[in-house]
Protein backbone atom coordinates (compact mmCIF):
# COMPACT_ATOMS: atom_id res chain seq x y z
CA MET A 1 39.62 6.59 -10.29
CA PRO A 2 39.12 5.77 -6.60
CA MET A 3 35.59 5.01 -5.50
CA LYS A 4 33.85 7.70 -3.48
CA ARG A 5 30.76 7.21 -1.38
CA ILE A 6 28.06 9.63 -0.48
CA LYS A 7 24.92 9.02 1.56
CA PHE A 8 21.89 11.07 0.66
CA SER A 9 18.15 10.86 0.45
CA ILE A 10 16.13 12.81 -2.06
CA PRO A 11 13.56 14.87 -0.15
CA LEU A 12 9.88 14.95 -1.01
CA ASN A 13 9.79 18.74 -0.71
CA LEU A 14 9.72 20.19 -4.27
CA GLU A 15 12.12 23.04 -3.44
CA TYR A 16 14.75 20.64 -2.06
CA PHE A 17 14.11 18.09 -4.82
CA SER A 18 14.89 20.79 -7.41
CA ALA A 19 18.33 21.19 -5.81
CA PHE A 20 19.05 17.54 -6.76
CA ARG A 21 18.19 18.05 -10.44
CA GLY A 22 21.83 18.79 -11.35
CA PHE A 23 22.89 15.53 -9.74
CA LEU A 24 20.22 13.53 -11.56
CA ASP A 25 21.10 15.18 -14.89
CA ALA A 26 24.81 14.38 -14.37
CA VAL A 27 24.29 10.63 -13.89
CA GLU A 28 24.73 8.37 -16.90
CA TRP A 29 23.61 5.27 -15.02
CA GLY A 30 23.33 3.88 -11.54
CA TYR A 31 23.10 0.36 -10.21
CA GLY A 32 22.47 -0.91 -6.72
CA ASP A 33 21.26 -4.10 -5.14
CA THR A 34 22.94 -4.07 -1.75
CA TYR A 35 20.98 -3.05 1.33
CA PHE A 36 22.26 -2.81 4.89
CA LEU A 37 21.27 -1.29 8.23
CA LEU A 38 23.11 1.67 9.69
CA GLY A 39 21.56 2.46 13.05
CA ASN A 40 17.85 2.91 12.32
CA ASP A 41 18.39 3.65 8.61
CA VAL A 42 18.10 1.20 5.73
CA ILE A 43 20.86 2.11 3.29
CA LYS A 44 21.06 1.13 -0.37
CA LEU A 45 24.56 1.08 -1.82
CA VAL A 46 24.48 2.36 -5.40
CA GLU A 47 27.27 2.59 -7.95
CA VAL A 48 26.90 5.70 -10.10
CA ARG A 49 28.62 6.55 -13.36
CA PHE A 50 28.64 10.23 -14.24
CA LYS A 51 28.33 11.46 -17.81
CA GLU A 52 31.49 12.32 -19.73
CA GLY A 53 33.01 15.62 -18.62
CA ILE A 54 31.21 15.75 -15.26
CA GLU A 55 33.38 16.45 -12.23
CA PRO A 56 31.91 14.55 -9.23
CA GLU A 57 33.56 16.98 -6.83
CA GLY A 58 31.51 19.86 -8.27
CA ILE A 59 28.29 17.87 -7.91
CA LEU A 60 29.19 16.95 -4.31
CA LYS A 61 29.92 20.60 -3.49
CA LYS A 62 26.48 21.63 -4.79
CA LEU A 63 24.77 18.85 -2.84
CA LEU A 64 26.50 19.91 0.37
CA GLU A 65 25.10 23.42 -0.12
CA VAL A 66 21.50 22.15 -0.06
CA PRO A 67 19.94 23.15 3.27
CA THR A 68 18.90 20.18 5.35
């Protein structure tokens, strides 16, 4: 499966954080140790493995619906 990248930050607001619960529940494991600068942001590159039967496209669609 080709690697896909997504940049996100989990907000401190409880309402928005709740919108990420599906993503967190879908992850089997994640690993990241690479940091880099992108403009003024410090980015951490993380590899994520989703649980069996999870479609990453569905998770991404839900995340894109979260108001920012």
